[in-house]
Amino acid sequence: MPKRTVIIVGLLAAVVLIYLFNGTKSNANGSTPAPAANQCQVAVTADVLNIRKAADPKAEVVGKYKQGAKVNVDKKVTNGFRQVGQDRWVAAQFVKPVSGSNCG
């Protein structure tokens, strides 16, 4: 197999792995980071949950979370969305608070 083909296949495999693990980020000891005071921790209930650039169902998709991913979100729901970061929003109907998390 030519060297160029091996490199391209390797890069494609790396992109797929990054995509698959996008929603399961954790800190160095393997646990999900604790939420800040204005945040709560939720689990994704949809098979795949789009992360949007704004709190609007028509906003650009900027990422995805897989089912079961635990993420820290803002306690406040805006237009049916919870904020997960700067210009990053998820539909509130597809996440549920993790046991023991104070989501207001």
C-alpha atoms as a PDB file:
ATOM      1  CA  MET A   1       0.000   0.000   0.000  1.00  0.00           C
ATOM      2  CA  PRO A   2       1.435   3.445  -0.880  1.00  0.00           C
ATOM      3  CA  LYS A   3       2.656   5.616   1.990  1.00  0.00           C
ATOM      4  CA  ARG A   4       0.247   8.416   1.011  1.00  0.00           C
ATOM      5  CA  THR A   5      -2.760   6.066   1.365  1.00  0.00           C
ATOM      6  CA  VAL A   6      -1.613   4.930   4.824  1.00  0.00           C
ATOM      7  CA  ILE A   7      -1.299   8.557   5.972  1.00  0.00           C
ATOM      8  CA  ILE A   8      -4.751   9.487   4.643  1.00  0.00           C
ATOM      9  CA  VAL A   9      -6.386   6.454   6.279  1.00  0.00           C
ATOM     10  CA  GLY A  10      -4.637   7.267   9.562  1.00  0.00           C
ATOM     11  CA  LEU A  11      -5.849  10.869   9.488  1.00  0.00           C
ATOM     12  CA  LEU A  12      -9.406   9.780   8.741  1.00  0.00           C
ATOM     13  CA  ALA A  13      -9.308   7.323  11.640  1.00  0.00           C
ATOM     14  CA  ALA A  14      -8.087  10.108  13.957  1.00  0.00           C
ATOM     15  CA  VAL A  15     -10.965  12.378  12.888  1.00  0.00           C
ATOM     16  CA  VAL A  16     -13.489   9.615  13.554  1.00  0.00           C
ATOM     17  CA  LEU A  17     -12.043   8.972  17.033  1.00  0.00           C
ATOM     18  CA  ILE A  18     -12.141  12.669  17.890  1.00  0.00           C
ATOM     19  CA  TYR A  19     -15.777  12.822  16.784  1.00  0.00           C
ATOM     20  CA  LEU A  20     -16.743   9.739  18.792  1.00  0.00           C
ATOM     21  CA  PHE A  21     -15.134  10.965  22.002  1.00  0.00           C
ATOM     22  CA  ASN A  22     -16.268  14.588  21.644  1.00  0.00           C
ATOM     23  CA  GLY A  23     -19.104  14.204  24.154  1.00  0.00           C
ATOM     24  CA  THR A  24     -17.194  12.249  26.770  1.00  0.00           C
ATOM     25  CA  LYS A  25     -14.505  14.678  27.871  1.00  0.00           C
ATOM     26  CA  SER A  26     -13.105  14.118  31.346  1.00  0.00           C
ATOM     27  CA  ASN A  27     -10.315  15.469  33.495  1.00  0.00           C
ATOM     28  CA  ALA A  28      -6.979  13.791  34.249  1.00  0.00           C
ATOM     29  CA  ASN A  29      -8.375  11.341  36.818  1.00  0.00           C
ATOM     30  CA  GLY A  30     -11.153  10.151  34.486  1.00  0.00           C
ATOM     31  CA  SER A  31     -14.073  11.961  36.090  1.00  0.00           C
ATOM     32  CA  THR A  32     -16.221  14.684  34.586  1.00  0.00           C
ATOM     33  CA  PRO A  33     -15.259  18.137  35.950  1.00  0.00           C
ATOM     34  CA  ALA A  34     -17.555  19.570  38.633  1.00  0.00           C
ATOM     35  CA  PRO A  35     -19.965  22.260  37.432  1.00  0.00           C
ATOM     36  CA  ALA A  36     -19.476  25.930  38.354  1.00  0.00           C
ATOM     37  CA  ALA A  37     -21.925  27.633  40.746  1.00  0.00           C
ATOM     38  CA  ASN A  38     -24.266  28.770  37.942  1.00  0.00           C
ATOM     39  CA  GLN A  39     -24.144  25.372  36.233  1.00  0.00           C
ATOM     40  CA  CYS A  40     -25.515  21.895  36.692  1.00  0.00           C
ATOM     41  CA  GLN A  41     -24.517  18.532  35.270  1.00  0.00           C
ATOM     42  CA  VAL A  42     -26.800  16.743  32.823  1.00  0.00           C
ATOM     43  CA  ALA A  43     -26.735  13.527  30.806  1.00  0.00           C
ATOM     44  CA  VAL A  44     -27.632  13.436  27.112  1.00  0.00           C
ATOM     45  CA  THR A  45     -30.781  11.368  26.439  1.00  0.00           C
ATOM     46  CA  ALA A  46     -30.842  11.615  22.613  1.00  0.00           C
ATOM     47  CA  ASP A  47     -28.853   9.191  20.453  1.00  0.00           C
ATOM     48  CA  VAL A  48     -26.894  12.186  19.119  1.00  0.00           C
ATOM     49  CA  LEU A  49     -27.424  15.725  20.388  1.00  0.00           C
ATOM     50  CA  ASN A  50     -26.453  18.685  18.233  1.00  0.00           C
ATOM     51  CA  ILE A  51     -24.513  21.516  19.819  1.00  0.00           C
ATOM     52  CA  ARG A  52     -25.683  24.755  18.220  1.00  0.00           C
ATOM     53  CA  LYS A  53     -24.049  28.172  17.909  1.00  0.00           C
ATOM     54  CA  ALA A  54     -27.112  29.915  19.387  1.00  0.00           C
ATOM     55  CA  ALA A  55     -30.243  29.095  21.415  1.00  0.00           C
ATOM     56  CA  ASP A  56     -32.210  28.514  18.221  1.00  0.00           C
ATOM     57  CA  PRO A  57     -33.188  25.215  16.570  1.00  0.00           C
ATOM     58  CA  LYS A  58     -32.134  26.667  13.193  1.00  0.00           C
ATOM     59  CA  ALA A  59     -28.708  27.838  14.405  1.00  0.00           C
ATOM     60  CA  GLU A  60     -25.534  26.349  12.941  1.00  0.00           C
ATOM     61  CA  VAL A  61     -24.470  22.963  14.363  1.00  0.00           C
ATOM     62  CA  VAL A  62     -20.955  23.304  15.830  1.00  0.00           C
ATOM     63  CA  GLY A  63     -20.584  19.881  17.462  1.00  0.00           C
ATOM     64  CA  LYS A  64     -22.374  16.798  18.780  1.00  0.00           C
ATOM     65  CA  TYR A  65     -22.708  14.796  21.991  1.00  0.00           C
ATOM     66  CA  LYS A  66     -23.430  11.061  22.126  1.00  0.00           C
ATOM     67  CA  GLN A  67     -26.152   9.538  24.305  1.00  0.00           C
ATOM     68  CA  GLY A  68     -25.086   9.252  27.939  1.00  0.00           C
ATOM     69  CA  ALA A  69     -22.458  12.002  27.714  1.00  0.00           C
ATOM     70  CA  LYS A  70     -22.347  14.062  30.910  1.00  0.00           C
ATOM     71  CA  VAL A  71     -21.918  17.791  30.418  1.00  0.00           C
ATOM     72  CA  ASN A  72     -22.027  20.899  32.545  1.00  0.00           C
ATOM     73  CA  VAL A  73     -24.746  23.320  31.434  1.00  0.00           C
ATOM     74  CA  ASP A  74     -26.062  26.655  32.601  1.00  0.00           C
ATOM     75  CA  LYS A  75     -28.943  26.333  35.095  1.00  0.00           C
ATOM     76  CA  LYS A  76     -30.996  28.868  33.143  1.00  0.00           C
ATOM     77  CA  VAL A  77     -32.995  27.619  30.152  1.00  0.00           C
ATOM     78  CA  THR A  78     -33.161  30.120  27.270  1.00  0.00           C
ATOM     79  CA  ASN A  79     -35.624  29.566  24.420  1.00  0.00           C
ATOM     80  CA  GLY A  80     -35.661  25.827  25.242  1.00  0.00           C
ATOM     81  CA  PHE A  81     -31.848  25.553  25.237  1.00  0.00           C
ATOM     82  CA  ARG A  82     -29.142  25.228  27.875  1.00  0.00           C
ATOM     83  CA  GLN A  83     -25.761  26.863  27.333  1.00  0.00           C
ATOM     84  CA  VAL A  84     -22.717  24.571  27.492  1.00  0.00           C
ATOM     85  CA  GLY A  85     -20.095  27.175  26.587  1.00  0.00           C
ATOM     86  CA  GLN A  86     -19.450  30.335  24.622  1.00  0.00           C
ATOM     87  CA  ASP A  87     -21.643  30.092  21.495  1.00  0.00           C
ATOM     88  CA  ARG A  88     -22.507  26.467  22.365  1.00  0.00           C
ATOM     89  CA  TRP A  89     -26.104  25.456  23.162  1.00  0.00           C
ATOM     90  CA  VAL A  90     -28.045  22.173  23.472  1.00  0.00           C
ATOM     91  CA  ALA A  91     -31.801  21.558  23.420  1.00  0.00           C
ATOM     92  CA  ALA A  92     -32.994  21.223  27.029  1.00  0.00           C
ATOM     93  CA  GLN A  93     -35.529  18.517  26.118  1.00  0.00           C
ATOM     94  CA  PHE A  94     -32.714  16.093  25.268  1.00  0.00           C
ATOM     95  CA  VAL A  95     -30.790  16.340  28.541  1.00  0.00           C
ATOM     96  CA  LYS A  96     -31.716  15.336  32.089  1.00  0.00           C
ATOM     97  CA  PRO A  97     -30.061  16.344  35.359  1.00  0.00           C
ATOM     98  CA  VAL A  98     -27.578  13.842  36.763  1.00  0.00           C
ATOM     99  CA  SER A  99     -28.554  12.456  40.161  1.00  0.00           C
ATOM    100  CA  GLY A 100     -27.482  14.874  42.886  1.00  0.00           C
ATOM    101  CA  SER A 101     -27.026  17.786  40.470  1.00  0.00           C
ATOM    102  CA  ASN A 102     -28.786  21.059  41.305  1.00  0.00           C
ATOM    103  CA  CYS A 103     -30.243  22.279  38.017  1.00  0.00           C
ATOM    104  CA  GLY A 104     -32.720  24.747  39.542  1.00  0.00           C
END
